[in-house]
Amino acid sequence: MAVIIEVAVDPIGTGSTSVGDLVKQAVSVIARRGYKYQVCAMGTVIEVPSLREIGELIDEIHNELVKLGVKRIVTVIRIDDRRDKSETIEYKVSRVTQH
């Protein structure tokens, strides 16, 4: 069963109020790992196979941003670890958007 997480990565102290290019780099890490994901206005929703992979993913995202010169990163993570049935991002969205 996939774990669905929402991640918001905020690079701080970059000298600019715009962080879109840095967020693109974070999203590229998610894509390279082959996870299903959906970018939203304030974060990214991702399906990961296990709780263990969340830490590895965040570590890789932070390392990528540090390579680009970011000195401080604040990351907020929400985890939906549902064990009674398998759900996907699409299913969760469709449950609240279908009329």
PDB file of N, CA and C in Angstrom:
ATOM      1  N   MET A   1       0.832  -1.186   0.000  1.00  0.00           N
ATOM      2  CA  MET A   1       0.000   0.000   0.000  1.00  0.00           C
ATOM      3  C   MET A   1       0.871   1.241   0.000  1.00  0.00           C
ATOM      4  N   ALA A   2       0.510   2.186  -0.818  1.00  0.00           N
ATOM      5  CA  ALA A   2       1.264   3.436  -0.891  1.00  0.00           C
ATOM      6  C   ALA A   2       0.921   4.337   0.287  1.00  0.00           C
ATOM      7  N   VAL A   3       1.896   5.106   0.685  1.00  0.00           N
ATOM      8  CA  VAL A   3       1.710   6.163   1.667  1.00  0.00           C
ATOM      9  C   VAL A   3       1.613   7.454   0.867  1.00  0.00           C
ATOM     10  N   ILE A   4       0.609   8.261   1.156  1.00  0.00           N
ATOM     11  CA  ILE A   4       0.457   9.530   0.452  1.00  0.00           C
ATOM     12  C   ILE A   4       0.964  10.637   1.362  1.00  0.00           C
ATOM     13  N   ILE A   5       1.875  11.445   0.821  1.00  0.00           N
ATOM     14  CA  ILE A   5       2.432  12.539   1.610  1.00  0.00           C
ATOM     15  C   ILE A   5       2.252  13.856   0.864  1.00  0.00           C
ATOM     16  N   GLU A   6       2.206  14.922   1.633  1.00  0.00           N
ATOM     17  CA  GLU A   6       2.233  16.262   1.061  1.00  0.00           C
ATOM     18  C   GLU A   6       3.484  16.935   1.591  1.00  0.00           C
ATOM     19  N   VAL A   7       4.276  17.479   0.694  1.00  0.00           N
ATOM     20  CA  VAL A   7       5.552  18.091   1.064  1.00  0.00           C
ATOM     21  C   VAL A   7       5.576  19.532   0.560  1.00  0.00           C
ATOM     22  N   ALA A   8       5.959  20.440   1.443  1.00  0.00           N
ATOM     23  CA  ALA A   8       6.195  21.832   1.061  1.00  0.00           C
ATOM     24  C   ALA A   8       7.632  22.163   1.439  1.00  0.00           C
ATOM     25  N   VAL A   9       8.439  22.470   0.447  1.00  0.00           N
ATOM     26  CA  VAL A   9       9.859  22.778   0.652  1.00  0.00           C
ATOM     27  C   VAL A   9      10.051  24.277   0.456  1.00  0.00           C
ATOM     28  N   ASP A  10      10.596  24.930   1.465  1.00  0.00           N
ATOM     29  CA  ASP A  10      10.806  26.378   1.416  1.00  0.00           C
ATOM     30  C   ASP A  10      12.285  26.708   1.575  1.00  0.00           C
ATOM     31  N   PRO A  11      12.978  26.988   0.460  1.00  0.00           N
ATOM     32  CA  PRO A  11      14.364  27.446   0.558  1.00  0.00           C
ATOM     33  C   PRO A  11      14.379  28.857   1.157  1.00  0.00           C
ATOM     34  N   ILE A  12      15.229  29.084   2.137  1.00  0.00           N
ATOM     35  CA  ILE A  12      15.287  30.374   2.836  1.00  0.00           C
ATOM     36  C   ILE A  12      16.655  31.006   2.613  1.00  0.00           C
ATOM     37  N   GLY A  13      16.669  32.331   2.558  1.00  0.00           N
ATOM     38  CA  GLY A  13      17.932  33.051   2.440  1.00  0.00           C
ATOM     39  C   GLY A  13      18.559  32.962   1.070  1.00  0.00           C
ATOM     40  N   THR A  14      17.722  32.901   0.048  1.00  0.00           N
ATOM     41  CA  THR A  14      18.248  32.772  -1.311  1.00  0.00           C
ATOM     42  C   THR A  14      18.516  34.127  -1.957  1.00  0.00           C
ATOM     43  N   GLY A  15      18.106  35.206  -1.302  1.00  0.00           N
ATOM     44  CA  GLY A  15      18.287  36.530  -1.873  1.00  0.00           C
ATOM     45  C   GLY A  15      17.173  36.936  -2.822  1.00  0.00           C
ATOM     46  N   SER A  16      16.149  36.097  -2.943  1.00  0.00           N
ATOM     47  CA  SER A  16      15.034  36.376  -3.841  1.00  0.00           C
ATOM     48  C   SER A  16      13.735  35.933  -3.186  1.00  0.00           C
ATOM     49  N   THR A  17      12.656  36.648  -3.479  1.00  0.00           N
ATOM     50  CA  THR A  17      11.349  36.216  -2.980  1.00  0.00           C
ATOM     51  C   THR A  17      10.761  35.104  -3.843  1.00  0.00           C
ATOM     52  N   SER A  18      11.322  34.877  -5.015  1.00  0.00           N
ATOM     53  CA  SER A  18      10.857  33.834  -5.920  1.00  0.00           C
ATOM     54  C   SER A  18      11.684  32.566  -5.720  1.00  0.00           C
ATOM     55  N   VAL A  19      10.990  31.456  -5.496  1.00  0.00           N
ATOM     56  CA  VAL A  19      11.700  30.182  -5.292  1.00  0.00           C
ATOM     57  C   VAL A  19      11.259  29.122  -6.305  1.00  0.00           C
ATOM     58  N   GLY A  20      10.524  29.538  -7.335  1.00  0.00           N
ATOM     59  CA  GLY A  20       9.985  28.588  -8.307  1.00  0.00           C
ATOM     60  C   GLY A  20      11.028  27.705  -8.967  1.00  0.00           C
ATOM     61  N   ASP A  21      12.166  28.284  -9.345  1.00  0.00           N
ATOM     62  CA  ASP A  21      13.204  27.479 -10.000  1.00  0.00           C
ATOM     63  C   ASP A  21      13.779  26.434  -9.053  1.00  0.00           C
ATOM     64  N   LEU A  22      13.897  26.780  -7.776  1.00  0.00           N
ATOM     65  CA  LEU A  22      14.404  25.814  -6.795  1.00  0.00           C
ATOM     66  C   LEU A  22      13.379  24.720  -6.531  1.00  0.00           C
ATOM     67  N   VAL A  23      12.105  25.095  -6.481  1.00  0.00           N
ATOM     68  CA  VAL A  23      11.055  24.091  -6.292  1.00  0.00           C
ATOM     69  C   VAL A  23      11.035  23.135  -7.486  1.00  0.00           C
ATOM     70  N   LYS A  24      11.273  23.647  -8.702  1.00  0.00           N
ATOM     71  CA  LYS A  24      11.367  22.771  -9.882  1.00  0.00           C
ATOM     72  C   LYS A  24      12.438  21.709  -9.681  1.00  0.00           C
ATOM     73  N   GLN A  25      13.551  22.084  -9.088  1.00  0.00           N
ATOM     74  CA  GLN A  25      14.627  21.122  -8.830  1.00  0.00           C
ATOM     75  C   GLN A  25      14.178  20.062  -7.832  1.00  0.00           C
ATOM     76  N   ALA A  26      13.431  20.478  -6.812  1.00  0.00           N
ATOM     77  CA  ALA A  26      12.905  19.512  -5.839  1.00  0.00           C
ATOM     78  C   ALA A  26      11.949  18.536  -6.525  1.00  0.00           C
ATOM     79  N   VAL A  27      11.089  19.053  -7.385  1.00  0.00           N
ATOM     80  CA  VAL A  27      10.144  18.198  -8.114  1.00  0.00           C
ATOM     81  C   VAL A  27      10.894  17.250  -9.045  1.00  0.00           C
ATOM     82  N   SER A  28      12.003  17.697  -9.614  1.00  0.00           N
ATOM     83  CA  SER A  28      12.772  16.814 -10.501  1.00  0.00           C
ATOM     84  C   SER A  28      13.339  15.617  -9.741  1.00  0.00           C
ATOM     85  N   VAL A  29      13.661  15.797  -8.469  1.00  0.00           N
ATOM     86  CA  VAL A  29      14.126  14.671  -7.645  1.00  0.00           C
ATOM     87  C   VAL A  29      13.001  13.650  -7.498  1.00  0.00           C
ATOM     88  N   ILE A  30      11.799  14.123  -7.238  1.00  0.00           N
ATOM     89  CA  ILE A  30      10.636  13.234  -7.096  1.00  0.00           C
ATOM     90  C   ILE A  30      10.408  12.470  -8.400  1.00  0.00           C
ATOM     91  N   ALA A  31      10.458  13.175  -9.517  1.00  0.00           N
ATOM     92  CA  ALA A  31      10.239  12.548 -10.827  1.00  0.00           C
ATOM     93  C   ALA A  31      11.307  11.501 -11.128  1.00  0.00           C
ATOM     94  N   ARG A  32      12.565  11.811 -10.828  1.00  0.00           N
ATOM     95  CA  ARG A  32      13.658  10.853 -11.082  1.00  0.00           C
ATOM     96  C   ARG A  32      13.463   9.560 -10.297  1.00  0.00           C
ATOM     97  N   ARG A  33      12.872   9.657  -9.121  1.00  0.00           N
ATOM     98  CA  ARG A  33      12.633   8.460  -8.315  1.00  0.00           C
ATOM     99  C   ARG A  33      11.447   7.642  -8.835  1.00  0.00           C
ATOM    100  N   GLY A  34      10.686   8.199  -9.759  1.00  0.00           N
ATOM    101  CA  GLY A  34       9.587   7.458 -10.368  1.00  0.00           C
ATOM    102  C   GLY A  34       8.302   7.444  -9.562  1.00  0.00           C
ATOM    103  N   TYR A  35       8.182   8.319  -8.571  1.00  0.00           N
ATOM    104  CA  TYR A  35       6.965   8.371  -7.764  1.00  0.00           C
ATOM    105  C   TYR A  35       5.852   9.087  -8.523  1.00  0.00           C
ATOM    106  N   LYS A  36       4.614   8.663  -8.276  1.00  0.00           N
ATOM    107  CA  LYS A  36       3.469   9.426  -8.766  1.00  0.00           C
ATOM    108  C   LYS A  36       3.367  10.665  -7.897  1.00  0.00           C
ATOM    109  N   TYR A  37       3.113  11.820  -8.524  1.00  0.00           N
ATOM    110  CA  TYR A  37       3.020  13.050  -7.742  1.00  0.00           C
ATOM    111  C   TYR A  37       2.111  14.048  -8.436  1.00  0.00           C
ATOM    112  N   GLN A  38       1.663  15.014  -7.669  1.00  0.00           N
ATOM    113  CA  GLN A  38       0.834  16.092  -8.195  1.00  0.00           C
ATOM    114  C   GLN A  38       1.298  17.389  -7.544  1.00  0.00           C
ATOM    115  N   VAL A  39       1.766  18.315  -8.368  1.00  0.00           N
ATOM    116  CA  VAL A  39       2.204  19.617  -7.863  1.00  0.00           C
ATOM    117  C   VAL A  39       0.969  20.474  -7.622  1.00  0.00           C
ATOM    118  N   CYS A  40       0.913  21.103  -6.464  1.00  0.00           N
ATOM    119  CA  CYS A  40      -0.178  22.001  -6.097  1.00  0.00           C
ATOM    120  C   CYS A  40       0.408  23.389  -5.829  1.00  0.00           C
ATOM    121  N   ALA A  41      -0.433  24.350  -5.576  1.00  0.00           N
ATOM    122  CA  ALA A  41       0.027  25.725  -5.386  1.00  0.00           C
ATOM    123  C   ALA A  41       0.936  25.889  -4.171  1.00  0.00           C
ATOM    124  N   MET A  42       0.712  25.115  -3.123  1.00  0.00           N
ATOM    125  CA  MET A  42       1.448  25.311  -1.875  1.00  0.00           C
ATOM    126  C   MET A  42       2.262  24.091  -1.452  1.00  0.00           C
ATOM    127  N   GLY A  43       2.409  23.123  -2.334  1.00  0.00           N
ATOM    128  CA  GLY A  43       3.163  21.920  -1.998  1.00  0.00           C
ATOM    129  C   GLY A  43       2.987  20.877  -3.083  1.00  0.00           C
ATOM    130  N   THR A  44       3.510  19.696  -2.826  1.00  0.00           N
ATOM    131  CA  THR A  44       3.424  18.592  -3.776  1.00  0.00           C
ATOM    132  C   THR A  44       2.934  17.352  -3.043  1.00  0.00           C
ATOM    133  N   VAL A  45       1.949  16.668  -3.627  1.00  0.00           N
ATOM    134  CA  VAL A  45       1.421  15.423  -3.072  1.00  0.00           C
ATOM    135  C   VAL A  45       2.119  14.279  -3.799  1.00  0.00           C
ATOM    136  N   ILE A  46       2.593  13.298  -3.018  1.00  0.00           N
ATOM    137  CA  ILE A  46       3.415  12.224  -3.579  1.00  0.00           C
ATOM    138  C   ILE A  46       2.951  10.885  -3.024  1.00  0.00           C
ATOM    139  N   GLU A  47       2.951   9.849  -3.865  1.00  0.00           N
ATOM    140  CA  GLU A  47       2.726   8.477  -3.405  1.00  0.00           C
ATOM    141  C   GLU A  47       4.080   7.803  -3.268  1.00  0.00           C
ATOM    142  N   VAL A  48       4.393   7.354  -2.065  1.00  0.00           N
ATOM    143  CA  VAL A  48       5.643   6.627  -1.832  1.00  0.00           C
ATOM    144  C   VAL A  48       5.302   5.227  -1.339  1.00  0.00           C
ATOM    145  N   PRO A  49       6.145   4.236  -1.630  1.00  0.00           N
ATOM    146  CA  PRO A  49       5.845   2.861  -1.249  1.00  0.00           C
ATOM    147  C   PRO A  49       5.856   2.602   0.257  1.00  0.00           C
ATOM    148  N   SER A  50       6.656   3.367   1.007  1.00  0.00           N
ATOM    149  CA  SER A  50       6.777   3.077   2.440  1.00  0.00           C
ATOM    150  C   SER A  50       7.171   4.326   3.212  1.00  0.00           C
ATOM    151  N   LEU A  51       6.934   4.282   4.503  1.00  0.00           N
ATOM    152  CA  LEU A  51       7.348   5.386   5.375  1.00  0.00           C
ATOM    153  C   LEU A  51       8.855   5.602   5.308  1.00  0.00           C
ATOM    154  N   ARG A  52       9.603   4.538   5.209  1.00  0.00           N
ATOM    155  CA  ARG A  52      11.066   4.622   5.178  1.00  0.00           C
ATOM    156  C   ARG A  52      11.560   5.510   4.028  1.00  0.00           C
ATOM    157  N   GLU A  53      10.883   5.438   2.904  1.00  0.00           N
ATOM    158  CA  GLU A  53      11.333   6.187   1.728  1.00  0.00           C
ATOM    159  C   GLU A  53      11.116   7.690   1.854  1.00  0.00           C
ATOM    160  N   ILE A  54      10.264   8.108   2.783  1.00  0.00           N
ATOM    161  CA  ILE A  54      10.026   9.543   2.958  1.00  0.00           C
ATOM    162  C   ILE A  54      11.312  10.241   3.378  1.00  0.00           C
ATOM    163  N   GLY A  55      11.985   9.706   4.368  1.00  0.00           N
ATOM    164  CA  GLY A  55      13.234  10.310   4.838  1.00  0.00           C
ATOM    165  C   GLY A  55      14.293  10.353   3.754  1.00  0.00           C
ATOM    166  N   GLU A  56      14.400   9.271   2.994  1.00  0.00           N
ATOM    167  CA  GLU A  56      15.380   9.223   1.904  1.00  0.00           C
ATOM    168  C   GLU A  56      15.064  10.269   0.839  1.00  0.00           C
ATOM    169  N   LEU A  57      13.777  10.425   0.516  1.00  0.00           N
ATOM    170  CA  LEU A  57      13.367  11.406  -0.486  1.00  0.00           C
ATOM    171  C   LEU A  57      13.675  12.828  -0.017  1.00  0.00           C
ATOM    172  N   ILE A  58      13.315  13.149   1.207  1.00  0.00           N
ATOM    173  CA  ILE A  58      13.552  14.500   1.727  1.00  0.00           C
ATOM    174  C   ILE A  58      15.049  14.786   1.784  1.00  0.00           C
ATOM    175  N   ASP A  59      15.835  13.808   2.192  1.00  0.00           N
ATOM    176  CA  ASP A  59      17.292  13.976   2.232  1.00  0.00           C
ATOM    177  C   ASP A  59      17.833  14.290   0.838  1.00  0.00           C
ATOM    178  N   GLU A  60      17.347  13.575  -0.162  1.00  0.00           N
ATOM    179  CA  GLU A  60      17.813  13.800  -1.535  1.00  0.00           C
ATOM    180  C   GLU A  60      17.400  15.186  -2.044  1.00  0.00           C
ATOM    181  N   ILE A  61      16.179  15.609  -1.728  1.00  0.00           N
ATOM    182  CA  ILE A  61      15.723  16.945  -2.128  1.00  0.00           C
ATOM    183  C   ILE A  61      16.589  18.013  -1.473  1.00  0.00           C
ATOM    184  N   HIS A  62      16.822  17.888  -0.174  1.00  0.00           N
ATOM    185  CA  HIS A  62      17.647  18.875   0.530  1.00  0.00           C
ATOM    186  C   HIS A  62      19.062  18.912  -0.051  1.00  0.00           C
ATOM    187  N   ASN A  63      19.645  17.762  -0.302  1.00  0.00           N
ATOM    188  CA  ASN A  63      21.000  17.721  -0.867  1.00  0.00           C
ATOM    189  C   ASN A  63      21.061  18.400  -2.230  1.00  0.00           C
ATOM    190  N   GLU A  64      20.035  18.209  -3.038  1.00  0.00           N
ATOM    191  CA  GLU A  64      19.978  18.853  -4.357  1.00  0.00           C
ATOM    192  C   GLU A  64      19.953  20.374  -4.210  1.00  0.00           C
ATOM    193  N   LEU A  65      19.154  20.868  -3.278  1.00  0.00           N
ATOM    194  CA  LEU A  65      19.057  22.318  -3.082  1.00  0.00           C
ATOM    195  C   LEU A  65      20.340  22.894  -2.491  1.00  0.00           C
ATOM    196  N   VAL A  66      20.980  22.153  -1.606  1.00  0.00           N
ATOM    197  CA  VAL A  66      22.256  22.606  -1.034  1.00  0.00           C
ATOM    198  C   VAL A  66      23.307  22.721  -2.138  1.00  0.00           C
ATOM    199  N   LYS A  67      23.307  21.764  -3.076  1.00  0.00           N
ATOM    200  CA  LYS A  67      24.243  21.833  -4.210  1.00  0.00           C
ATOM    201  C   LYS A  67      24.041  23.101  -5.035  1.00  0.00           C
ATOM    202  N   LEU A  68      22.824  23.621  -5.006  1.00  0.00           N
ATOM    203  CA  LEU A  68      22.504  24.838  -5.756  1.00  0.00           C
ATOM    204  C   LEU A  68      22.764  26.101  -4.940  1.00  0.00           C
ATOM    205  N   GLY A  69      23.319  25.931  -3.739  1.00  0.00           N
ATOM    206  CA  GLY A  69      23.700  27.083  -2.934  1.00  0.00           C
ATOM    207  C   GLY A  69      22.747  27.475  -1.825  1.00  0.00           C
ATOM    208  N   VAL A  70      21.658  26.734  -1.652  1.00  0.00           N
ATOM    209  CA  VAL A  70      20.711  27.049  -0.582  1.00  0.00           C
ATOM    210  C   VAL A  70      21.339  26.661   0.754  1.00  0.00           C
ATOM    211  N   LYS A  71      21.300  27.579   1.702  1.00  0.00           N
ATOM    212  CA  LYS A  71      21.938  27.346   3.003  1.00  0.00           C
ATOM    213  C   LYS A  71      20.947  26.892   4.080  1.00  0.00           C
ATOM    214  N   ARG A  72      19.653  27.166   3.867  1.00  0.00           N
ATOM    215  CA  ARG A  72      18.647  26.792   4.862  1.00  0.00           C
ATOM    216  C   ARG A  72      17.373  26.379   4.137  1.00  0.00           C
ATOM    217  N   ILE A  73      16.769  25.287   4.614  1.00  0.00           N
ATOM    218  CA  ILE A  73      15.558  24.763   3.987  1.00  0.00           C
ATOM    219  C   ILE A  73      14.571  24.385   5.083  1.00  0.00           C
ATOM    220  N   VAL A  74      13.355  24.893   4.983  1.00  0.00           N
ATOM    221  CA  VAL A  74      12.285  24.499   5.895  1.00  0.00           C
ATOM    222  C   VAL A  74      11.334  23.606   5.099  1.00  0.00           C
ATOM    223  N   THR A  75      11.078  22.412   5.615  1.00  0.00           N
ATOM    224  CA  THR A  75      10.213  21.462   4.929  1.00  0.00           C
ATOM    225  C   THR A  75       9.084  21.029   5.854  1.00  0.00           C
ATOM    226  N   VAL A  76       7.864  21.103   5.342  1.00  0.00           N
ATOM    227  CA  VAL A  76       6.685  20.658   6.081  1.00  0.00           C
ATOM    228  C   VAL A  76       6.170  19.400   5.387  1.00  0.00           C
ATOM    229  N   ILE A  77       5.922  18.348   6.183  1.00  0.00           N
ATOM    230  CA  ILE A  77       5.471  17.069   5.631  1.00  0.00           C
ATOM    231  C   ILE A  77       4.183  16.640   6.328  1.00  0.00           C
ATOM    232  N   ARG A  78       3.173  16.281   5.537  1.00  0.00           N
ATOM    233  CA  ARG A  78       1.949  15.665   6.066  1.00  0.00           C
ATOM    234  C   ARG A  78       1.906  14.247   5.519  1.00  0.00           C
ATOM    235  N   ILE A  79       1.580  13.286   6.378  1.00  0.00           N
ATOM    236  CA  ILE A  79       1.614  11.876   5.992  1.00  0.00           C
ATOM    237  C   ILE A  79       0.234  11.254   6.185  1.00  0.00           C
ATOM    238  N   ASP A  80      -0.274  10.599   5.138  1.00  0.00           N
ATOM    239  CA  ASP A  80      -1.508   9.818   5.219  1.00  0.00           C
ATOM    240  C   ASP A  80      -1.112   8.353   5.075  1.00  0.00           C
ATOM    241  N   ASP A  81      -0.989   7.685   6.206  1.00  0.00           N
ATOM    242  CA  ASP A  81      -0.561   6.279   6.258  1.00  0.00           C
ATOM    243  C   ASP A  81      -1.784   5.423   6.547  1.00  0.00           C
ATOM    244  N   ARG A  82      -2.564   5.157   5.518  1.00  0.00           N
ATOM    245  CA  ARG A  82      -3.799   4.392   5.674  1.00  0.00           C
ATOM    246  C   ARG A  82      -3.510   2.920   5.439  1.00  0.00           C
ATOM    247  N   ARG A  83      -3.858   2.085   6.417  1.00  0.00           N
ATOM    248  CA  ARG A  83      -3.519   0.663   6.331  1.00  0.00           C
ATOM    249  C   ARG A  83      -4.719  -0.248   6.068  1.00  0.00           C
ATOM    250  N   ASP A  84      -5.939   0.302   6.142  1.00  0.00           N
ATOM    251  CA  ASP A  84      -7.105  -0.563   5.953  1.00  0.00           C
ATOM    252  C   ASP A  84      -7.484  -0.751   4.490  1.00  0.00           C
ATOM    253  N   LYS A  85      -7.061   0.158   3.625  1.00  0.00           N
ATOM    254  CA  LYS A  85      -7.294  -0.015   2.191  1.00  0.00           C
ATOM    255  C   LYS A  85      -6.310   0.845   1.420  1.00  0.00           C
ATOM    256  N   SER A  86      -6.102   0.458   0.179  1.00  0.00           N
ATOM    257  CA  SER A  86      -5.152   1.169  -0.673  1.00  0.00           C
ATOM    258  C   SER A  86      -5.862   2.320  -1.378  1.00  0.00           C
ATOM    259  N   GLU A  87      -5.253   3.495  -1.342  1.00  0.00           N
ATOM    260  CA  GLU A  87      -5.794   4.653  -2.030  1.00  0.00           C
ATOM    261  C   GLU A  87      -4.693   5.312  -2.855  1.00  0.00           C
ATOM    262  N   THR A  88      -5.107   6.027  -3.882  1.00  0.00           N
ATOM    263  CA  THR A  88      -4.172   6.772  -4.719  1.00  0.00           C
ATOM    264  C   THR A  88      -4.505   8.257  -4.617  1.00  0.00           C
ATOM    265  N   ILE A  89      -3.614   9.077  -5.120  1.00  0.00           N
ATOM    266  CA  ILE A  89      -3.883  10.514  -5.166  1.00  0.00           C
ATOM    267  C   ILE A  89      -5.167  10.764  -5.961  1.00  0.00           C
ATOM    268  N   GLU A  90      -5.283  10.127  -7.125  1.00  0.00           N
ATOM    269  CA  GLU A  90      -6.439  10.337  -7.990  1.00  0.00           C
ATOM    270  C   GLU A  90      -7.736   9.959  -7.289  1.00  0.00           C
ATOM    271  N   TYR A  91      -7.724   8.833  -6.575  1.00  0.00           N
ATOM    272  CA  TYR A  91      -8.928   8.389  -5.873  1.00  0.00           C
ATOM    273  C   TYR A  91      -9.342   9.413  -4.823  1.00  0.00           C
ATOM    274  N   LYS A  92      -8.383   9.874  -4.029  1.00  0.00           N
ATOM    275  CA  LYS A  92      -8.701  10.832  -2.969  1.00  0.00           C
ATOM    276  C   LYS A  92      -9.267  12.129  -3.547  1.00  0.00           C
ATOM    277  N   VAL A  93      -8.698  12.594  -4.652  1.00  0.00           N
ATOM    278  CA  VAL A  93      -9.193  13.823  -5.274  1.00  0.00           C
ATOM    279  C   VAL A  93     -10.589  13.599  -5.856  1.00  0.00           C
ATOM    280  N   SER A  94     -10.789  12.472  -6.526  1.00  0.00           N
ATOM    281  CA  SER A  94     -12.086  12.213  -7.161  1.00  0.00           C
ATOM    282  C   SER A  94     -13.210  12.082  -6.136  1.00  0.00           C
ATOM    283  N   ARG A  95     -12.908  11.613  -4.948  1.00  0.00           N
ATOM    284  CA  ARG A  95     -13.927  11.461  -3.898  1.00  0.00           C
ATOM    285  C   ARG A  95     -14.534  12.801  -3.487  1.00  0.00           C
ATOM    286  N   VAL A  96     -13.793  13.867  -3.625  1.00  0.00           N
ATOM    287  CA  VAL A  96     -14.318  15.171  -3.199  1.00  0.00           C
ATOM    288  C   VAL A  96     -14.657  16.094  -4.369  1.00  0.00           C
ATOM    289  N   THR A  97     -14.324  15.679  -5.593  1.00  0.00           N
ATOM    290  CA  THR A  97     -14.610  16.552  -6.733  1.00  0.00           C
ATOM    291  C   THR A  97     -15.740  16.033  -7.617  1.00  0.00           C
ATOM    292  N   GLN A  98     -16.128  14.771  -7.467  1.00  0.00           N
ATOM    293  CA  GLN A  98     -17.227  14.234  -8.272  1.00  0.00           C
ATOM    294  C   GLN A  98     -18.553  14.738  -7.720  1.00  0.00           C
ATOM    295  N   HIS A  99     -19.453  15.078  -8.641  1.00  0.00           N
ATOM    296  CA  HIS A  99     -20.764  15.601  -8.223  1.00  0.00           C
ATOM    297  C   HIS A  99     -21.827  14.564  -8.425  1.00  0.00           C
TER     298      HIS A  99
END
